[in-house]
């Protein structure tokens, strides 16, 4: 069962790390930490449960705590459970552990509470369990901004991270109903509020969808996604990235897929 707890500020986590770890003399954090969501790539059966480990993949700088924000697509994955990793609990039986699940993110804080104890890896520092959807597709579980490692209250840099790609079911190379080229359409157009962008992709790949004003300024950026060939719809509520109504006018919508791009225009009428 996922525990619903509130996340303390980063200052509290840093204070705990500073109070409970003393770095060995001459130790340097210059090596950094290399972390990945493993195994990747991973293929799972539709509807099946599977684990993803947050793994320090090689020996590097020592640390005694970390914060992480993990993003996932709720249309493809459902969180089931979470637990601290073997590297952390083997090093210290007393830890400060907080987990919070959002609509499409997991936020984690984990600190060793044994004075003077740090770890370096390689090893598992956290485990997440998901249930796959019943729809065959390709999706990603990603590290979002907010990934930090600490030792004795000091940030450990640099951090190199690797996301996970999950294939649910058997995804064909090309669907017989897939369009023959990359297409982007907008309805209704003009729009008095929400507009629906219909994406028709002739191949699988990462999709990046953005809205610009006619002066080239970014108005709205939609979350990148990895999808199969075929069609999907994305709704724009007519607001900018700050949640404010975009003014009436003409906007340029751009779609990038696997190194190719296509654009269309949408008119907002207020």
Protein backbone atom coordinates (compact mmCIF):
# COMPACT_ATOMS: atom_id res chain seq x y z
CA UNK A 1 0.00 0.00 0.00
CA UNK A 2 1.47 3.39 -0.97
CA UNK A 3 2.01 5.67 2.00
CA UNK A 4 0.68 9.18 1.65
CA UNK A 5 2.95 11.51 3.59
CA UNK A 6 3.76 15.16 3.24
CA UNK A 7 7.18 16.11 1.93
CA UNK A 8 9.31 18.35 4.12
CA UNK A 9 11.26 21.20 2.61
CA UNK A 10 14.66 20.52 1.10
CA UNK A 11 16.15 22.49 3.97
CA UNK A 12 14.93 19.88 6.47
CA UNK A 13 16.40 17.03 4.46
CA UNK A 14 19.69 18.89 4.21
CA UNK A 15 19.65 19.57 7.95
CA UNK A 16 19.11 15.89 8.71
CA UNK A 17 21.92 14.88 6.40
CA UNK A 18 24.24 17.48 7.88
CA UNK A 19 23.52 16.46 11.47
CA UNK A 20 23.84 12.74 10.96
CA UNK A 21 26.79 12.25 8.61
CA UNK A 22 30.41 13.24 8.97
CA UNK A 23 32.53 12.84 5.82
CA UNK A 24 35.89 11.12 6.11
CA UNK A 25 38.86 13.44 5.99
CA UNK A 26 39.94 14.30 2.47
CA UNK A 27 36.86 12.72 0.84
CA UNK A 28 35.82 14.46 -2.39
CA UNK A 29 32.44 14.50 -4.14
CA UNK A 30 34.02 15.33 -7.50
CA UNK A 31 33.25 11.83 -8.83
CA UNK A 32 29.52 12.45 -8.71
CA UNK A 33 26.68 9.91 -8.72
CA UNK A 34 25.46 7.86 -11.69
CA UNK A 35 21.88 6.68 -11.23
CA UNK A 36 19.41 4.87 -13.51
CA UNK A 37 15.90 3.44 -13.48
CA UNK A 38 16.48 -0.26 -14.16
CA UNK A 39 15.97 -2.54 -15.93
CA UNK A 40 15.65 -0.59 -19.15
CA UNK A 41 14.47 -1.24 -21.72
CA UNK A 42 11.84 -3.53 -20.21
CA UNK A 43 8.94 -5.36 -21.88
CA UNK A 44 5.91 -6.33 -19.79
CA UNK A 45 2.57 -8.04 -20.37
CA UNK A 46 -0.53 -5.81 -20.50
CA UNK A 47 -2.10 -5.64 -17.02
CA UNK A 48 0.97 -7.12 -15.32
CA UNK A 49 2.81 -5.72 -12.31
CA UNK A 50 6.53 -5.02 -12.59
CA UNK A 51 9.35 -3.39 -10.60
CA UNK A 52 11.63 -0.50 -11.46
CA UNK A 53 14.71 0.02 -9.34
CA UNK A 54 16.43 3.34 -8.74
CA UNK A 55 20.00 2.07 -9.01
CA UNK A 56 23.38 3.67 -8.50
CA UNK A 57 25.14 1.89 -11.36
CA UNK A 58 28.77 2.37 -10.38
CA UNK A 59 31.02 3.38 -7.52
CA UNK A 60 31.28 7.14 -7.23
CA UNK A 61 30.95 9.90 -4.69
CA UNK A 62 29.59 8.95 -1.29
CA UNK A 63 26.17 10.16 -0.15
CA UNK A 64 23.89 9.68 2.84
CA UNK A 65 20.62 11.02 1.41
CA UNK A 66 18.74 11.84 -1.76
CA UNK A 67 15.60 13.49 -3.12
CA UNK A 68 13.96 12.29 -6.35
CA UNK A 69 10.90 13.16 -8.42
CA UNK A 70 9.83 10.34 -10.76
CA UNK A 71 7.38 11.01 -13.59
CA UNK A 72 5.12 8.47 -15.34
CA UNK A 73 2.10 8.45 -17.65
CA UNK A 74 -1.10 7.61 -15.71
CA UNK A 75 -2.73 6.41 -18.93
CA UNK A 76 -0.05 3.72 -19.22
CA UNK A 77 0.99 2.93 -15.63
CA UNK A 78 -0.59 2.71 -12.18
CA UNK A 79 1.63 2.85 -9.05
CA UNK A 80 1.25 -0.17 -6.74
CA UNK A 81 3.88 0.07 -4.01
CA UNK A 82 7.26 1.51 -3.02
CA UNK A 83 10.13 0.57 -0.73
CA UNK A 84 13.59 1.69 0.25
CA UNK A 85 16.47 0.05 -1.59
CA UNK A 86 18.79 -2.60 -0.24
CA UNK A 87 21.85 -0.34 -0.44
CA UNK A 88 20.25 2.17 1.94
CA UNK A 89 18.71 -0.19 4.50
CA UNK A 90 21.81 -2.42 4.62
CA UNK A 91 23.96 0.58 5.49
CA UNK A 92 21.74 1.88 8.28
CA UNK A 93 18.65 0.42 9.97
CA UNK A 94 17.40 3.89 10.92
CA UNK A 95 16.35 6.08 7.99
CA UNK A 96 14.26 9.17 7.34
CA UNK A 97 11.97 8.08 4.49
CA UNK A 98 9.09 10.08 2.97
CA UNK A 99 7.06 9.18 -0.13
CA UNK A 100 4.31 11.14 -1.84
CA UNK A 101 2.31 10.06 -4.88
CA UNK A 102 0.86 12.67 -7.21
CA UNK A 103 -1.33 12.42 -10.30
CA UNK A 104 1.66 11.53 -12.49
CA UNK A 105 4.68 11.79 -10.20
CA UNK A 106 6.28 10.12 -7.19
CA UNK A 107 8.29 12.33 -4.82
CA UNK A 108 10.85 10.61 -2.60
CA UNK A 109 13.16 11.69 0.23
CA UNK A 110 15.46 9.18 1.93
CA UNK A 111 18.25 9.93 4.43
CA UNK A 112 20.45 7.62 6.52
CA UNK A 113 20.12 8.52 10.22
CA UNK A 114 23.25 6.70 11.44
CA UNK A 115 25.93 9.25 12.25
CA UNK A 116 28.97 9.07 10.01
CA UNK A 117 27.45 6.49 7.65
CA UNK A 118 27.41 7.07 3.89
CA UNK A 119 27.22 4.81 0.84
CA UNK A 120 28.87 4.94 -2.58
CA UNK A 121 27.22 2.28 -4.73
CA UNK A 122 26.79 0.42 -6.92
CA UNK A 123 23.44 -0.79 -5.60
CA UNK A 124 19.68 -0.38 -5.35
CA UNK A 125 18.55 2.72 -3.44
CA UNK A 126 14.80 2.54 -4.13
CA UNK A 127 12.15 0.30 -5.72
CA UNK A 128 8.87 1.27 -7.36
CA UNK A 129 6.19 -1.19 -8.47
CA UNK A 130 3.73 -0.36 -11.26
CA UNK A 131 0.82 -2.08 -12.97
CA UNK A 132 0.81 -1.81 -16.76
CA UNK A 133 -2.31 -0.77 -18.65
CA UNK A 134 -4.19 -3.22 -20.84
CA UNK A 135 -3.32 -1.19 -23.96
CA UNK A 136 -0.11 -2.11 -25.84
CA UNK A 137 2.16 0.94 -26.02
CA UNK A 138 5.60 2.31 -25.32
CA UNK A 139 5.98 4.62 -22.33
CA UNK A 140 8.69 6.12 -20.15
CA UNK A 141 9.37 6.50 -16.45
CA UNK A 142 11.62 9.51 -16.00
CA UNK A 143 13.66 11.50 -13.54
CA UNK A 144 12.12 14.96 -13.33
CA UNK A 145 13.77 18.12 -11.96
CA UNK A 146 14.33 17.69 -8.25
CA UNK A 147 16.94 14.88 -8.27
CA UNK A 148 19.57 15.65 -5.62
CA UNK A 149 22.13 13.68 -3.63
CA UNK A 150 23.65 14.87 -0.34
CA UNK A 151 26.55 13.97 1.89
CA UNK A 152 26.98 15.62 5.29
CA UNK A 153 24.44 18.23 4.21
CA UNK A 154 26.37 19.18 1.07
CA UNK A 155 25.13 18.64 -2.47
CA UNK A 156 26.97 15.94 -4.41
CA UNK A 157 27.71 16.86 -8.04
CA UNK A 158 27.59 15.95 -10.83
CA UNK A 159 24.57 13.62 -11.15
CA UNK A 160 24.12 11.53 -14.30
CA UNK A 161 20.68 9.93 -14.66
CA UNK A 162 19.09 7.47 -17.10
CA UNK A 163 15.34 7.07 -17.62
CA UNK A 164 13.48 3.80 -18.28
CA UNK A 165 11.55 2.82 -21.42
CA UNK A 166 8.71 0.34 -20.89
CA UNK A 167 7.09 -1.59 -23.73
CA UNK A 168 3.65 -2.89 -22.79
CA UNK A 169 2.67 -5.89 -24.89
CA UNK A 170 3.90 -6.38 -28.45
CA UNK A 171 4.07 -3.10 -30.32
CA UNK A 172 4.32 -3.61 -34.07
CA UNK A 173 6.87 -1.77 -36.16
CA UNK A 174 4.09 -0.25 -38.21
CA UNK A 175 0.32 -0.39 -37.96
CA UNK A 176 -1.61 -1.04 -41.19
CA UNK A 177 -3.87 1.87 -40.21
CA UNK A 178 -1.00 4.24 -39.45
CA UNK A 179 -0.87 7.40 -41.59
CA UNK A 180 1.71 7.59 -44.34
CA UNK A 181 3.21 10.81 -43.01
CA UNK A 182 3.41 12.98 -39.91
CA UNK A 183 0.28 15.12 -39.55
CA UNK A 184 -1.05 17.72 -37.09
CA UNK A 185 -4.58 19.12 -37.25
CA UNK A 186 -6.49 21.57 -35.03
CA UNK A 187 -10.23 21.65 -34.20
CA UNK A 188 -12.14 23.83 -33.81
CA UNK A 189 -10.23 26.52 -35.63
CA UNK A 190 -10.85 29.35 -34.82
CA UNK A 191 -11.38 28.38 -31.18
CA UNK A 192 -13.16 30.31 -28.44
CA UNK A 193 -11.45 28.37 -25.67
CA UNK A 194 -10.15 24.82 -25.82
CA UNK A 195 -8.63 23.46 -29.03
CA UNK A 196 -7.92 19.81 -29.80
CA UNK A 197 -4.66 18.90 -31.53
CA UNK A 198 -4.87 15.61 -33.42
CA UNK A 199 -1.47 13.99 -33.92
CA UNK A 200 -1.11 11.34 -36.61
CA UNK A 201 2.32 9.73 -36.57
CA UNK A 202 3.61 7.27 -39.14
CA UNK A 203 6.11 5.74 -36.69
CA UNK A 204 6.77 5.31 -32.99
CA UNK A 205 8.98 7.78 -31.19
CA UNK A 206 9.29 10.65 -28.72
CA UNK A 207 6.76 13.41 -29.42
CA UNK A 208 7.27 17.06 -28.46
CA UNK A 209 4.30 19.42 -28.81
CA UNK A 210 4.57 23.19 -28.25
CA UNK A 211 2.57 26.36 -28.85
CA UNK A 212 4.26 29.65 -29.84
CA UNK A 213 2.93 33.13 -30.45
CA UNK A 214 3.63 34.77 -33.81
CA UNK A 215 6.71 36.50 -32.37
CA UNK A 216 8.27 33.11 -31.66
CA UNK A 217 7.78 33.18 -27.89
CA UNK A 218 6.92 29.89 -26.20
CA UNK A 219 3.37 29.98 -24.81
CA UNK A 220 2.75 26.37 -23.78
CA UNK A 221 4.83 23.19 -23.79
CA UNK A 222 3.13 19.82 -23.39
CA UNK A 223 4.83 16.92 -21.60
CA UNK A 224 7.03 14.91 -23.95
CA UNK A 225 5.77 11.40 -24.54
CA UNK A 226 6.89 8.27 -26.32
CA UNK A 227 4.09 6.72 -28.34
CA UNK A 228 3.44 4.16 -31.04
CA UNK A 229 2.47 4.94 -34.62
CA UNK A 230 -1.11 6.06 -35.07
CA UNK A 231 -3.34 8.88 -33.87
CA UNK A 232 -3.83 10.57 -30.51
CA UNK A 233 -5.43 13.79 -29.31
CA UNK A 234 -4.07 16.52 -27.03
CA UNK A 235 -6.35 19.27 -25.69
CA UNK A 236 -5.07 22.82 -25.22
CA UNK A 237 -7.22 24.83 -22.83
CA UNK A 238 -6.12 28.13 -24.36
CA UNK A 239 -3.88 28.97 -21.40
CA UNK A 240 -0.18 29.66 -21.18
CA UNK A 241 2.35 27.80 -19.03
CA UNK A 242 1.44 30.01 -16.04
CA UNK A 243 -2.24 29.04 -16.26
CA UNK A 244 -3.35 32.41 -17.62
CA UNK A 245 -5.66 32.77 -20.62
CA UNK A 246 -3.62 33.42 -23.75
CA UNK A 247 -4.80 36.60 -25.52
CA UNK A 248 -6.83 36.44 -28.72
CA UNK A 249 -4.69 35.98 -31.80
CA UNK A 250 -2.97 33.48 -34.05
CA UNK A 251 -0.62 30.86 -32.59
CA UNK A 252 1.80 28.39 -34.15
CA UNK A 253 1.59 24.77 -33.00
CA UNK A 254 4.67 22.63 -33.64
CA UNK A 255 5.13 18.88 -33.33
CA UNK A 256 8.51 17.12 -33.36
CA UNK A 257 8.78 13.34 -33.74
CA UNK A 258 12.02 11.41 -34.21
CA UNK A 259 13.91 14.35 -35.69
CA UNK A 260 11.07 15.51 -37.97
CA UNK A 261 8.63 18.35 -37.43
CA UNK A 262 5.29 19.64 -38.66
CA UNK A 263 3.34 22.77 -37.72
CA UNK A 264 -0.13 24.27 -37.93
CA UNK A 265 -1.85 27.49 -36.89
CA UNK A 266 -4.70 28.02 -34.47
CA UNK A 267 -6.69 31.20 -33.93
CA UNK A 268 -8.02 32.07 -30.48
CA UNK A 269 -11.15 34.22 -30.34
CA UNK A 270 -11.98 35.76 -26.95
